[in-house]
Structures are given as structure tokens and as C-alpha cells.
Amino acid sequence: MAIPTFVDSVTLHVAGGNGGHGCASVRREKFKPLGGPDGGNGGHGGSVILRVDPGLTTLVDYHRQSRRRAGHGVPGKGDDQHGANGEDIVLAVPEGTVVTDAETGEQLVDLTGEQTEFVVAHGGRGGLGNAALATAARKAPGFALLGEEGETRTVTLELKVVADVGLVGFPSAGKSSLVAAISRARPKIADYPFTTLVPNLGVVVAGDVTYTVADVPGLIEGASEGRGLGHDFLRHIERCAALVHVIDTATYLPGRDPLTDLDVIEAELTAHGGLEDRPRVVVLNKVDIPDAAELAEIVRAEVEARGLPVFAVSTKSGAGLRQLTYALAELVARRRAERPAPAAPRTVLRPEPVGSRRGGTAAFTVTRENELWRVHGEKPERWVRQTDFGNEEAVGYLADRLNRLGVEDRLLELGARAGDGVAIGGADPVVFDFKPQVEIGAEILSRRGEDQRLITDRPSVQRRRERDAAYQAEPDVGANWDYGDDDPDD
């Protein structure tokens, strides 16, 4: 099966690299049997980045290779060795590519402008090593944080050609011939319908104005409802500043005449929608044929009576082409002048909500769902993902973090009681038994890592332990994250 040369819509599956695990290690040197923690952090997981390449005109590279994953980070090692960052993947796309989330239908970005970039899938954060977790009260942590999985997403890439002028009309009306006549573009031209299977783009220079012209493959009646080829390419005229009706005045097909053709194409543009404000120009083509020239003169007055500029041209003899190109240049220049000037860039400060950094209800929410209390928030959910549930000390550290954030106090305020289930996480939450107000004393500290505030014998925690063990068995997963200060809780 042949791979098409022009593809303007694809579904792309992308995944950021996984974050690297932190390392739990203790320095051992001669005469220094306990030299302190020296476990390094994991490396950044790579991200998947879309970048505009003005030299591209198709999305064919992603037609067959529709799955792309960035590189994983490297886990940290002892002797304060931090893991290497995973490699980013940069995917080149044509200018005018619209990125939409395939699951929600939300438009994520409209990529226009050379070298414009968009991170479509972020790499996972890396876990801190025990050297970074050490504090004055916890001088030798026996655990490290896990790296997070990279973001996965399915997106739809849809190309909308960026052109100043769009040529529309029936098949064989002469759109490709017109592009070839007024520019250096050389589209395929033949004497049968639907010769053009992809939009063609040409650059026209008229005086001091340079503009681009795109011809849209032939429209027919019902194109907006899926008939013919035109419905696949109607999106390509959405960005055009002006539309040009190219009408064949030499056709002998039954039911076809210039005014009928104009009405049919206008009806399809109206059905597509969003093009009502674009100025129209009518081109009566093939006037080098005597009968066609006569017909063009007959219908000119009626078309002008509709308020539309009319140009009678011949792409073979060149008649009327100079006047047409300069008229379009004037129209494009006027439309460009009407566009609002881009706003000057300005710095926008968005302070964090009160309490979002050192705890407080702005950092998380607690809701009651059936038999469980659900805790939602960027920090608690991230902390759960970073916890190695096979290490009781790591679980105790998670309890400390949640307590400092105020989760326990908030649960008590809402009426939670000992033994209630508390779920933290998104689609795969971890469920704990709530056991509040347990004092941290010598008994607990003497039995390192055992913390009764989080009872972790629930099936969800056991599954998370098994997942973490399998996750640690992969040597190529990992990512690092710069937390920005000395407190790993933030």
C-alpha cells in the first residue's frame, strides 16, 4: 500500500519519558564506616515537543509512525551521582497545524509562526536521592523518592494551510492553471476533473506586496456534507484573507453556467461556516475561447450587481492576469492593515494562593465519595506517586508531609473518624485507613520506619507496592526535577 505524499490530519500518540528514581545510599570510606547519605537524584524525563518548520507542507511523517516517546531519565547513584536527563523529542510540523486533545476535543494550540514550539507531553519528575532528603532531624534517610511516569496523551494534528488568498471553484475550472500563471508554483494540470488532490500554494509578487495563493481541490455540490474531495480541504481556506471564485465560462456540462456555479460554491462555503467576513472576488476564466468570452460579458453585469469585483482572464494567453494580481495585492494589503497589531509582550505575575506552598486548604481539597474521603491536590497526589510503598520509612515520610500540609486536620474538621478510608490519587488512587492524632515518640522513632498514621495493608497499597517493585526493576526509567529550594516537600 502506497504512503500518500500529502496528509493534513493525523492522530498522534505521545509519551514523555519516565522520571528516574532517586538513590538511597550511605557513603562508606576507610575509617568512616558511616559517612552519611550520598544517594543522587534521578534525571529529567524527556518531553515531546512540536515545533513549526516552514519548509514542511504535510503531516505524512506521522501517518505511519504515529507513536512517539521521549527518552527516559537515568536513576541516581551513590557517591552523589545524579542521573542524566532523558532526551527530548522534537517533532517538526507545518505552519498552521492545529493540535487538539483527541479524548476531550479541546484545542490545545494553533501553531503559527516559524520555530513556534509547544510541549505536548511533559517528561516525568525525578525522585530525590536520600542525600537531598537529609535534614537536621533526619540525618540518614533510608529511602529515596521514586521518579514519576511521563505524561501520555493522544492528540489530533490538523493542518490548515496559511495563505492570503484561497481559490475555490468546481473541478477543472482552472484553479491550478491560475496558480501556475501568476506564480512559480507548478501544480499538476490535466484536462480531467479532480486533477488536484492536494492544496497547492504559490507566492505572488505584485508591486511592493508579496502574498500567497492556495488552490483548494475542486468543490462540488454537497461537498460540505462529504461529497467529492472538497470537504476534506474546506478547512484550508479558513485562514485566507480573501476568497476568489474561479468560474469556468467554457464548460458545456448540462446544468452548469457561471451564475449557477457561483451560487453552488457560495452555498457550500456558507454550510462550512466561518467565512462570511472574507471578501470575495470572481474570476471568469478561459476567455481565450470566443464563446466563453461572450458568455463572460453577458454575466459580468449581473455578478457586479451582487457587489462582487469581476475579472475576465485567460491563463493561456495571460489576458487580465496583471489586473487581477494587483487587485488581489491591494485587497490583501488592506486586510493586513485592518488586523489589530499584536499586543506588546508583558510580564504577568500570578501569585500562589495563600497557603498553597506551606499547606492550607488552597493546596488540596477533601470530599466525601461514598465510603471514602477523597484528597485531591497537585502536591499530595505527586507525593503518593513518588513514594516507595515497599519501604516503611518512606511511608512514614509521606505521612509527615501530609500532616504538615494539613490533610489530617482538614479530615478531622470534616468529621473523619479513625478507620475511615482515605483515597489519594487520580485514576489509580491509594487508599489508607485514617488513624489520626498519633504522637511521634521514642517508641516509634526507635523502630525505624514504622508509622501507624498510615495503615498500609489495604489492597490498593499492596498493588502500589508491586507496581513500584516492577517499576524499580526497569533500568532505563527516570527523571530529575529541580524543586527550586532546599525543602523537598515543596
Protein backbone atom coordinates (compact mmCIF):
# COMPACT_ATOMS: atom_id res chain seq x y z
CA MET A 1 0.00 0.00 0.00
CA ALA A 2 1.49 3.33 -1.06
CA ILE A 3 2.05 6.04 1.52
CA PRO A 4 0.32 9.28 0.49
CA THR A 5 2.53 12.28 -0.08
CA PHE A 6 0.07 14.75 1.41
CA VAL A 7 -1.59 14.16 4.77
CA ASP A 8 -3.35 17.00 6.56
CA SER A 9 -4.88 15.17 9.54
CA VAL A 10 -3.35 12.51 11.79
CA THR A 11 -3.84 11.04 15.26
CA LEU A 12 -0.61 11.03 17.25
CA HIS A 13 0.14 9.11 20.44
CA VAL A 14 2.88 10.77 22.50
CA ALA A 15 4.52 9.95 25.81
CA GLY A 16 7.08 11.82 27.87
CA GLY A 17 9.99 9.93 29.35
CA ASN A 18 9.67 8.41 32.82
CA GLY A 19 11.40 10.08 35.72
CA GLY A 20 14.45 8.42 37.25
CA HIS A 21 14.36 7.07 40.78
CA GLY A 22 16.43 8.66 43.49
CA CYS A 23 19.11 6.53 45.10
CA ALA A 24 19.30 5.54 48.78
CA SER A 25 22.98 5.12 49.60
CA VAL A 26 25.37 5.69 52.53
CA ARG A 27 28.95 6.76 51.98
CA ARG A 28 31.49 4.18 53.10
CA GLU A 29 35.17 5.06 53.28
CA LYS A 30 38.11 3.72 55.19
CA PHE A 31 37.95 4.89 58.80
CA LYS A 32 34.48 6.37 58.04
CA PRO A 33 32.03 3.47 58.22
CA LEU A 34 29.01 5.83 58.33
CA GLY A 35 29.94 8.79 56.17
CA GLY A 36 26.38 9.99 55.71
CA PRO A 37 23.82 9.67 52.87
CA ASP A 38 25.18 10.13 49.35
CA GLY A 39 22.35 8.95 47.09
CA GLY A 40 21.92 11.08 43.96
CA ASN A 41 18.75 12.33 42.27
CA GLY A 42 17.23 10.87 39.13
CA GLY A 43 17.42 12.65 35.78
CA HIS A 44 14.69 14.54 33.89
CA GLY A 45 12.39 12.52 31.71
CA GLY A 46 12.45 13.88 28.17
CA SER A 47 9.47 15.80 26.76
CA VAL A 48 7.76 15.58 23.37
CA ILE A 49 7.86 18.97 21.65
CA LEU A 50 6.07 20.12 18.50
CA ARG A 51 8.00 22.77 16.52
CA VAL A 52 6.93 24.67 13.40
CA ASP A 53 9.11 24.04 10.33
CA PRO A 54 8.15 26.41 7.49
CA GLY A 55 9.69 24.01 4.97
CA LEU A 56 7.08 21.34 5.65
CA THR A 57 3.71 21.18 3.91
CA THR A 58 2.38 17.81 5.08
CA LEU A 59 1.96 15.61 8.14
CA VAL A 60 2.90 12.45 6.25
CA ASP A 61 5.77 11.63 8.66
CA TYR A 62 3.19 10.85 11.34
CA HIS A 63 0.81 8.95 9.07
CA ARG A 64 2.51 5.60 9.69
CA GLN A 65 4.75 6.36 12.68
CA SER A 66 2.02 7.65 14.94
CA ARG A 67 3.61 6.74 18.30
CA ARG A 68 6.45 8.83 19.70
CA ARG A 69 8.11 8.57 23.13
CA ALA A 70 10.80 10.75 24.62
CA GLY A 71 13.84 9.30 26.38
CA HIS A 72 13.75 8.11 29.97
CA GLY A 73 15.91 9.68 32.62
CA VAL A 74 18.63 7.73 34.41
CA PRO A 75 18.30 6.75 38.08
CA GLY A 76 20.61 8.37 40.59
CA LYS A 77 23.60 6.51 42.05
CA GLY A 78 25.68 6.54 45.18
CA ASP A 79 28.57 8.91 45.74
CA ASP A 80 26.23 11.84 44.94
CA GLN A 81 25.92 10.87 41.28
CA HIS A 82 22.81 12.38 39.72
CA GLY A 83 21.14 10.60 36.82
CA ALA A 84 21.34 12.01 33.29
CA ASN A 85 18.31 13.70 31.77
CA GLY A 86 16.23 11.88 29.19
CA GLU A 87 16.43 13.22 25.65
CA ASP A 88 13.62 15.41 24.36
CA ILE A 89 11.96 14.54 21.05
CA VAL A 90 11.30 17.48 18.73
CA LEU A 91 8.62 16.77 16.11
CA ALA A 92 8.59 19.13 13.14
CA VAL A 93 5.13 20.16 11.89
CA PRO A 94 3.99 22.55 9.13
CA GLU A 95 2.93 26.06 9.94
CA GLY A 96 -0.81 26.19 10.53
CA THR A 97 -1.04 22.91 12.47
CA VAL A 98 -3.86 22.82 15.00
CA VAL A 99 -3.34 20.46 17.95
CA THR A 100 -6.45 19.03 19.63
CA ASP A 101 -6.80 16.61 22.52
CA ALA A 102 -8.32 13.50 20.94
CA GLU A 103 -10.17 12.48 24.10
CA THR A 104 -11.72 15.76 25.19
CA GLY A 105 -11.83 17.61 21.86
CA GLU A 106 -10.16 20.63 23.48
CA GLN A 107 -7.95 22.69 21.17
CA LEU A 108 -4.54 22.84 22.80
CA VAL A 109 -2.64 25.16 20.46
CA ASP A 110 -2.64 26.66 16.97
CA LEU A 111 0.95 26.54 15.75
CA THR A 112 1.72 29.51 13.53
CA GLY A 113 4.98 31.38 13.21
CA GLU A 114 8.41 29.99 12.43
CA GLN A 115 10.05 27.98 15.24
CA THR A 116 6.94 28.18 17.43
CA GLU A 117 7.04 25.35 19.97
CA PHE A 118 4.56 23.51 22.16
CA VAL A 119 5.31 20.82 24.74
CA VAL A 120 2.64 18.24 24.03
CA ALA A 121 3.81 15.65 26.60
CA HIS A 122 5.95 16.55 29.60
CA GLY A 123 8.60 14.25 30.99
CA GLY A 124 8.17 12.82 34.47
CA ARG A 125 9.74 14.35 37.55
CA GLY A 126 12.69 12.53 39.05
CA GLY A 127 12.88 11.29 42.61
CA LEU A 128 15.22 12.88 45.12
CA GLY A 129 18.03 10.75 46.49
CA ASN A 130 18.47 10.33 50.22
CA ALA A 131 21.25 12.92 50.25
CA ALA A 132 18.70 15.57 49.22
CA LEU A 133 16.20 14.28 51.78
CA ALA A 134 18.54 14.57 54.75
CA THR A 135 17.71 17.23 57.34
CA ALA A 136 18.95 18.10 60.82
CA ALA A 137 16.25 15.87 62.33
CA ARG A 138 16.62 13.07 59.76
CA LYS A 139 20.34 12.81 59.10
CA ALA A 140 20.42 9.41 57.40
CA PRO A 141 17.23 8.66 55.44
CA GLY A 142 16.99 5.02 54.49
CA PHE A 143 14.83 5.74 51.46
CA ALA A 144 14.63 7.83 48.28
CA LEU A 145 11.75 9.15 46.19
CA LEU A 146 10.57 7.41 43.05
CA GLY A 147 10.57 9.06 39.67
CA GLU A 148 7.20 9.86 38.12
CA GLU A 149 5.87 8.45 34.90
CA GLY A 150 5.92 10.73 31.88
CA GLU A 151 2.74 12.33 30.59
CA THR A 152 0.89 10.33 27.94
CA ARG A 153 -1.57 11.89 25.55
CA THR A 154 -3.38 11.22 22.29
CA VAL A 155 -3.72 14.29 20.09
CA THR A 156 -5.08 15.11 16.66
CA LEU A 157 -2.90 17.18 14.34
CA GLU A 158 -4.87 19.04 11.69
CA LEU A 159 -3.18 21.17 9.05
CA LYS A 160 -4.81 24.38 7.88
CA VAL A 161 -2.83 25.99 5.08
CA VAL A 162 -1.68 29.53 5.82
CA ALA A 163 -2.41 31.59 2.69
CA ASP A 164 -3.60 35.12 1.94
CA VAL A 165 -5.89 34.19 -0.95
CA GLY A 166 -7.87 31.00 -1.44
CA LEU A 167 -9.08 29.84 -4.86
CA VAL A 168 -12.37 27.94 -4.87
CA GLY A 169 -14.43 26.51 -7.67
CA PHE A 170 -15.66 23.41 -9.47
CA PRO A 171 -13.23 20.75 -10.74
CA SER A 172 -11.46 21.75 -13.98
CA ALA A 173 -12.37 25.42 -13.51
CA GLY A 174 -8.68 26.32 -13.93
CA LYS A 175 -7.56 26.97 -10.33
CA SER A 176 -4.26 25.13 -10.70
CA SER A 177 -3.63 26.81 -14.05
CA LEU A 178 -4.25 30.19 -12.43
CA VAL A 179 -1.77 29.46 -9.61
CA ALA A 180 0.82 28.40 -12.20
CA ALA A 181 0.18 31.50 -14.31
CA ILE A 182 0.59 34.11 -11.55
CA SER A 183 3.34 32.38 -9.50
CA ARG A 184 6.24 29.98 -9.94
CA ALA A 185 4.31 27.07 -8.49
CA ARG A 186 3.94 24.13 -10.84
CA PRO A 187 0.93 22.07 -9.77
CA LYS A 188 -0.31 19.10 -11.76
CA ILE A 189 -2.58 20.25 -14.60
CA ALA A 190 -4.70 17.99 -16.82
CA ASP A 191 -7.96 18.07 -18.76
CA TYR A 192 -9.99 15.82 -16.46
CA PRO A 193 -11.82 16.51 -13.18
CA PHE A 194 -10.20 16.18 -9.76
CA THR A 195 -6.68 16.51 -11.16
CA THR A 196 -5.67 18.35 -7.99
CA LEU A 197 -5.68 16.04 -4.99
CA VAL A 198 -3.84 18.31 -2.54
CA PRO A 199 -3.85 22.07 -1.94
CA ASN A 200 -1.24 23.92 -4.00
CA LEU A 201 0.49 27.02 -2.70
CA GLY A 202 2.04 29.78 -4.81
CA VAL A 203 3.80 33.04 -3.97
CA VAL A 204 2.75 36.12 -5.98
CA VAL A 205 4.66 39.40 -6.19
CA ALA A 206 2.65 42.44 -7.32
CA GLY A 207 4.44 45.76 -6.86
CA ASP A 208 5.54 46.10 -3.25
CA VAL A 209 3.16 43.42 -1.99
CA THR A 210 4.02 39.73 -1.75
CA TYR A 211 1.23 37.32 -0.92
CA THR A 212 0.42 33.63 -1.09
CA VAL A 213 -2.33 31.94 -3.08
CA ALA A 214 -3.71 28.46 -2.37
CA ASP A 215 -5.98 26.49 -4.63
CA VAL A 216 -8.40 24.14 -2.90
CA PRO A 217 -9.19 20.84 -4.70
CA GLY A 218 -12.44 21.03 -6.63
CA LEU A 219 -15.65 21.57 -4.74
CA ILE A 220 -18.96 20.16 -5.89
CA GLU A 221 -22.48 20.47 -4.62
CA GLY A 222 -22.74 18.70 -1.27
CA ALA A 223 -19.01 18.99 -0.51
CA SER A 224 -19.72 20.31 3.00
CA GLU A 225 -21.66 17.10 3.65
CA GLY A 226 -18.88 14.81 2.45
CA ARG A 227 -19.35 14.55 -1.32
CA GLY A 228 -16.31 14.60 -3.56
CA LEU A 229 -12.89 15.73 -2.35
CA GLY A 230 -13.62 19.31 -1.41
CA HIS A 231 -14.98 18.53 2.08
CA ASP A 232 -11.51 17.30 3.07
CA PHE A 233 -9.94 20.63 2.17
CA LEU A 234 -12.50 23.26 3.14
CA ARG A 235 -10.50 23.83 6.35
CA HIS A 236 -7.60 25.13 4.27
CA ILE A 237 -9.43 28.32 3.35
CA GLU A 238 -10.31 29.23 6.95
CA ARG A 239 -7.12 31.30 7.31
CA CYS A 240 -7.36 33.06 3.95
CA ALA A 241 -7.86 36.82 3.98
CA ALA A 242 -9.82 36.72 0.71
CA LEU A 243 -11.60 34.14 -1.46
CA VAL A 244 -11.52 34.02 -5.24
CA HIS A 245 -14.26 32.23 -7.18
CA VAL A 246 -12.68 30.70 -10.29
CA ILE A 247 -15.52 30.05 -12.75
CA ASP A 248 -15.24 28.08 -15.97
CA THR A 249 -17.04 30.03 -18.68
CA ALA A 250 -16.27 27.41 -21.34
CA THR A 251 -18.00 24.39 -19.80
CA TYR A 252 -20.66 22.60 -21.81
CA LEU A 253 -21.86 20.35 -19.00
CA PRO A 254 -25.65 20.34 -18.50
CA GLY A 255 -26.91 22.41 -15.59
CA ARG A 256 -23.68 24.44 -15.43
CA ASP A 257 -23.41 28.16 -16.06
CA PRO A 258 -21.35 30.89 -14.30
CA LEU A 259 -24.13 32.16 -12.06
CA THR A 260 -25.25 28.67 -11.03
CA ASP A 261 -21.65 27.67 -10.27
CA LEU A 262 -21.22 30.79 -8.14
CA ASP A 263 -24.40 30.08 -6.18
CA VAL A 264 -23.49 26.42 -5.58
CA ILE A 265 -19.98 27.18 -4.26
CA GLU A 266 -21.28 30.02 -2.08
CA ALA A 267 -23.83 27.63 -0.59
CA GLU A 268 -21.05 25.17 0.31
CA LEU A 269 -18.95 27.93 1.90
CA THR A 270 -21.95 29.04 3.94
CA ALA A 271 -22.63 25.46 5.05
CA HIS A 272 -18.99 25.12 6.16
CA GLY A 273 -19.34 28.33 8.17
CA GLY A 274 -16.97 30.94 9.50
CA LEU A 275 -16.20 32.59 6.14
CA GLU A 276 -18.89 35.25 5.97
CA ASP A 277 -16.48 38.13 6.63
CA ARG A 278 -14.00 37.24 3.85
CA PRO A 279 -14.14 39.50 0.80
CA ARG A 280 -14.91 37.73 -2.49
CA VAL A 281 -13.55 38.20 -5.99
CA VAL A 282 -14.97 36.49 -9.07
CA VAL A 283 -12.65 35.34 -11.87
CA LEU A 284 -14.30 34.38 -15.18
CA ASN A 285 -11.72 32.03 -16.65
CA LYS A 286 -10.95 30.71 -20.17
CA VAL A 287 -11.98 33.85 -22.05
CA ASP A 288 -9.45 32.94 -24.78
CA ILE A 289 -12.29 30.79 -26.16
CA PRO A 290 -14.71 33.00 -28.19
CA ASP A 291 -17.91 31.54 -26.78
CA ALA A 292 -16.53 31.81 -23.27
CA ALA A 293 -15.56 35.45 -23.77
CA GLU A 294 -19.04 36.23 -24.98
CA LEU A 295 -20.63 34.47 -22.01
CA ALA A 296 -18.32 36.32 -19.61
CA GLU A 297 -19.51 39.67 -20.95
CA ILE A 298 -23.14 38.60 -20.59
CA VAL A 299 -22.87 37.60 -16.90
CA ARG A 300 -20.41 40.32 -15.80
CA ALA A 301 -23.10 42.91 -15.12
CA GLU A 302 -25.21 40.54 -13.04
CA VAL A 303 -22.22 39.45 -10.92
CA GLU A 304 -21.18 43.08 -10.38
CA ALA A 305 -24.75 43.84 -9.34
CA ARG A 306 -24.16 41.50 -6.39
CA GLY A 307 -21.33 43.77 -5.25
CA LEU A 308 -18.53 41.43 -6.31
CA PRO A 309 -15.45 42.53 -8.28
CA VAL A 310 -15.19 40.64 -11.59
CA PHE A 311 -12.10 39.86 -13.68
CA ALA A 312 -12.19 38.08 -17.03
CA VAL A 313 -8.91 36.22 -17.52
CA SER A 314 -7.18 33.58 -19.59
CA THR A 315 -4.41 31.51 -18.04
CA LYS A 316 -3.25 30.51 -21.56
CA SER A 317 -2.97 33.95 -23.16
CA GLY A 318 -2.36 35.88 -19.93
CA ALA A 319 -5.25 38.25 -20.57
CA GLY A 320 -6.42 40.03 -17.42
CA LEU A 321 -3.87 38.39 -15.11
CA ARG A 322 -1.89 41.56 -14.34
CA GLN A 323 -5.00 43.46 -13.30
CA LEU A 324 -6.11 40.50 -11.16
CA THR A 325 -2.80 40.13 -9.31
CA TYR A 326 -2.61 43.85 -8.49
CA ALA A 327 -6.24 43.93 -7.37
CA LEU A 328 -5.61 40.98 -5.06
CA ALA A 329 -2.44 42.66 -3.75
CA GLU A 330 -4.44 45.76 -2.87
CA LEU A 331 -7.10 43.65 -1.17
CA VAL A 332 -4.51 41.68 0.84
CA ALA A 333 -2.69 44.86 1.89
CA ARG A 334 -5.96 46.36 3.09
CA ARG A 335 -6.86 43.25 5.06
CA ARG A 336 -3.42 43.17 6.67
CA ALA A 337 -3.77 46.80 7.69
CA GLU A 338 -7.14 46.05 9.31
CA ARG A 339 -5.67 43.36 11.54
CA PRO A 340 -5.08 44.52 15.10
CA ALA A 341 -1.42 45.00 15.92
CA PRO A 342 -0.01 42.23 18.12
CA ALA A 343 -0.02 43.21 21.75
CA ALA A 344 3.34 44.06 23.23
CA PRO A 345 4.59 41.27 25.48
CA ARG A 346 4.11 41.98 29.14
CA THR A 347 5.01 40.20 32.32
CA VAL A 348 2.04 38.73 34.16
CA LEU A 349 2.53 37.93 37.84
CA ARG A 350 0.32 35.21 39.24
CA PRO A 351 0.98 34.82 42.96
CA GLU A 352 0.20 31.46 44.50
CA PRO A 353 -2.97 31.33 46.59
CA VAL A 354 -2.50 31.87 50.30
CA GLY A 355 -1.48 28.62 51.93
CA SER A 356 -0.66 26.79 48.68
CA ARG A 357 3.06 26.48 49.38
CA ARG A 358 3.28 25.60 53.06
CA GLY A 359 -0.06 23.92 53.44
CA GLY A 360 -3.59 25.23 53.82
CA THR A 361 -6.79 24.31 52.05
CA ALA A 362 -5.68 26.06 48.83
CA ALA A 363 -3.11 23.27 48.31
CA PHE A 364 -5.69 20.45 48.36
CA THR A 365 -9.36 19.62 48.64
CA VAL A 366 -11.15 16.89 50.59
CA THR A 367 -14.51 15.49 49.51
CA ARG A 368 -16.70 12.63 50.64
CA GLU A 369 -17.37 9.98 47.98
CA ASN A 370 -19.47 7.01 49.08
CA GLU A 371 -17.44 5.18 51.73
CA LEU A 372 -14.21 7.10 51.15
CA TRP A 373 -12.70 10.50 51.78
CA ARG A 374 -11.01 11.71 48.59
CA VAL A 375 -8.00 14.03 48.79
CA HIS A 376 -7.26 15.97 45.59
CA GLY A 377 -4.32 18.27 45.05
CA GLU A 378 -1.14 18.56 43.00
CA LYS A 379 1.15 18.04 45.98
CA PRO A 380 -0.47 15.10 47.79
CA GLU A 381 -1.05 13.24 44.52
CA ARG A 382 2.56 13.84 43.45
CA TRP A 383 3.86 12.72 46.83
CA VAL A 384 1.91 9.46 46.60
CA ARG A 385 3.37 8.78 43.12
CA GLN A 386 6.87 9.37 44.49
CA THR A 387 6.50 7.04 47.50
CA ASP A 388 8.06 3.58 47.56
CA PHE A 389 5.40 1.64 49.45
CA GLY A 390 7.80 -1.23 49.93
CA ASN A 391 9.79 0.92 52.36
CA GLU A 392 8.03 1.66 55.65
CA GLU A 393 10.28 4.65 56.32
CA ALA A 394 9.21 6.16 53.00
CA VAL A 395 5.58 5.64 54.02
CA GLY A 396 6.26 7.41 57.31
CA TYR A 397 7.86 10.28 55.42
CA LEU A 398 4.71 10.54 53.29
CA ALA A 399 2.65 10.72 56.49
CA ASP A 400 4.85 13.55 57.76
CA ARG A 401 4.39 15.50 54.55
CA LEU A 402 0.62 15.07 54.52
CA ASN A 403 0.40 16.07 58.16
CA ARG A 404 2.46 19.23 57.62
CA LEU A 405 0.28 20.11 54.64
CA GLY A 406 -2.78 19.99 56.91
CA VAL A 407 -4.56 16.99 55.41
CA GLU A 408 -5.13 15.33 58.79
CA ASP A 409 -6.53 18.49 60.37
CA ARG A 410 -8.85 19.04 57.43
CA LEU A 411 -10.16 15.46 57.63
CA LEU A 412 -10.91 15.93 61.32
CA GLU A 413 -12.72 19.20 60.62
CA LEU A 414 -14.96 17.42 58.11
CA GLY A 415 -15.80 14.65 60.56
CA ALA A 416 -13.48 11.83 59.54
CA ARG A 417 -13.04 9.13 62.16
CA ALA A 418 -10.37 6.55 62.86
CA GLY A 419 -10.69 3.62 60.48
CA ASP A 420 -12.29 5.63 57.66
CA GLY A 421 -10.82 5.06 54.19
CA VAL A 422 -8.84 7.96 52.72
CA ALA A 423 -8.04 7.82 49.00
CA ILE A 424 -5.29 9.92 47.41
CA GLY A 425 -4.61 9.86 43.69
CA GLY A 426 -6.37 10.06 40.36
CA ALA A 427 -7.47 7.05 38.31
CA ASP A 428 -5.46 4.61 40.46
CA PRO A 429 -5.72 6.01 43.99
CA VAL A 430 -4.02 4.65 47.09
CA VAL A 431 -6.44 4.03 49.96
CA PHE A 432 -5.32 4.30 53.59
CA ASP A 433 -7.08 3.69 56.89
CA PHE A 434 -7.26 7.00 58.75
CA LYS A 435 -5.63 6.88 62.20
CA PRO A 436 -5.36 10.45 63.49
CA GLN A 437 -3.52 12.09 66.36
CA VAL A 438 -0.76 9.51 66.85
CA GLU A 439 2.09 11.09 68.72
CA ILE A 440 5.61 10.70 67.35
CA GLY A 441 7.63 9.44 70.34
CA ALA A 442 10.66 7.40 71.24
CA GLU A 443 8.78 4.15 70.71
CA ILE A 444 8.12 4.89 67.03
CA LEU A 445 11.46 6.51 66.37
CA SER A 446 13.27 3.55 67.92
CA ARG A 447 11.56 1.25 65.40
CA ARG A 448 12.73 2.98 62.28
CA GLY A 449 10.21 3.48 59.52
CA GLU A 450 7.14 2.14 61.25
CA ASP A 451 4.43 4.78 61.30
CA GLN A 452 0.93 3.96 62.48
CA ARG A 453 -0.62 7.07 60.99
CA LEU A 454 -0.85 5.31 57.63
CA ILE A 455 -2.09 1.74 57.83
CA THR A 456 -0.92 0.32 54.53
CA ASP A 457 -2.34 -3.19 54.43
CA ARG A 458 -5.15 -2.24 52.07
CA PRO A 459 -5.20 -3.96 48.64
CA SER A 460 -4.57 -0.67 46.80
CA VAL A 461 -1.36 -0.13 48.74
CA GLN A 462 -0.27 -3.71 48.12
CA ARG A 463 -0.86 -3.23 44.39
CA ARG A 464 1.13 0.01 44.50
CA ARG A 465 3.99 -1.85 46.24
CA GLU A 466 4.01 -4.47 43.49
CA ARG A 467 3.94 -1.76 40.82
CA ASP A 468 6.80 0.11 42.48
CA ALA A 469 8.88 -3.05 42.65
CA ALA A 470 8.31 -3.69 38.93
CA TYR A 471 8.99 -0.04 38.19
CA GLN A 472 12.34 -0.20 40.01
CA ALA A 473 13.30 -3.29 38.02
CA GLU A 474 13.41 -1.22 34.81
CA PRO A 475 16.97 0.14 34.47
CA ASP A 476 16.10 2.81 31.91
CA VAL A 477 13.36 4.73 33.66
CA GLY A 478 13.91 8.04 35.40
CA ALA A 479 13.77 11.81 35.51
CA ASN A 480 15.04 14.69 37.63
CA TRP A 481 13.20 17.75 38.81
CA ASP A 482 14.66 20.98 40.10
CA TYR A 483 12.49 21.75 43.16
CA GLY A 484 13.88 25.26 43.44
CA ASP A 485 14.69 25.26 47.17
CA ASP A 486 16.15 23.12 49.93
CA ASP A 487 12.86 21.71 51.18
CA PRO A 488 11.92 18.58 49.21
CA ASP A 489 8.34 18.86 50.42
CA ASP A 490 7.83 21.81 48.08
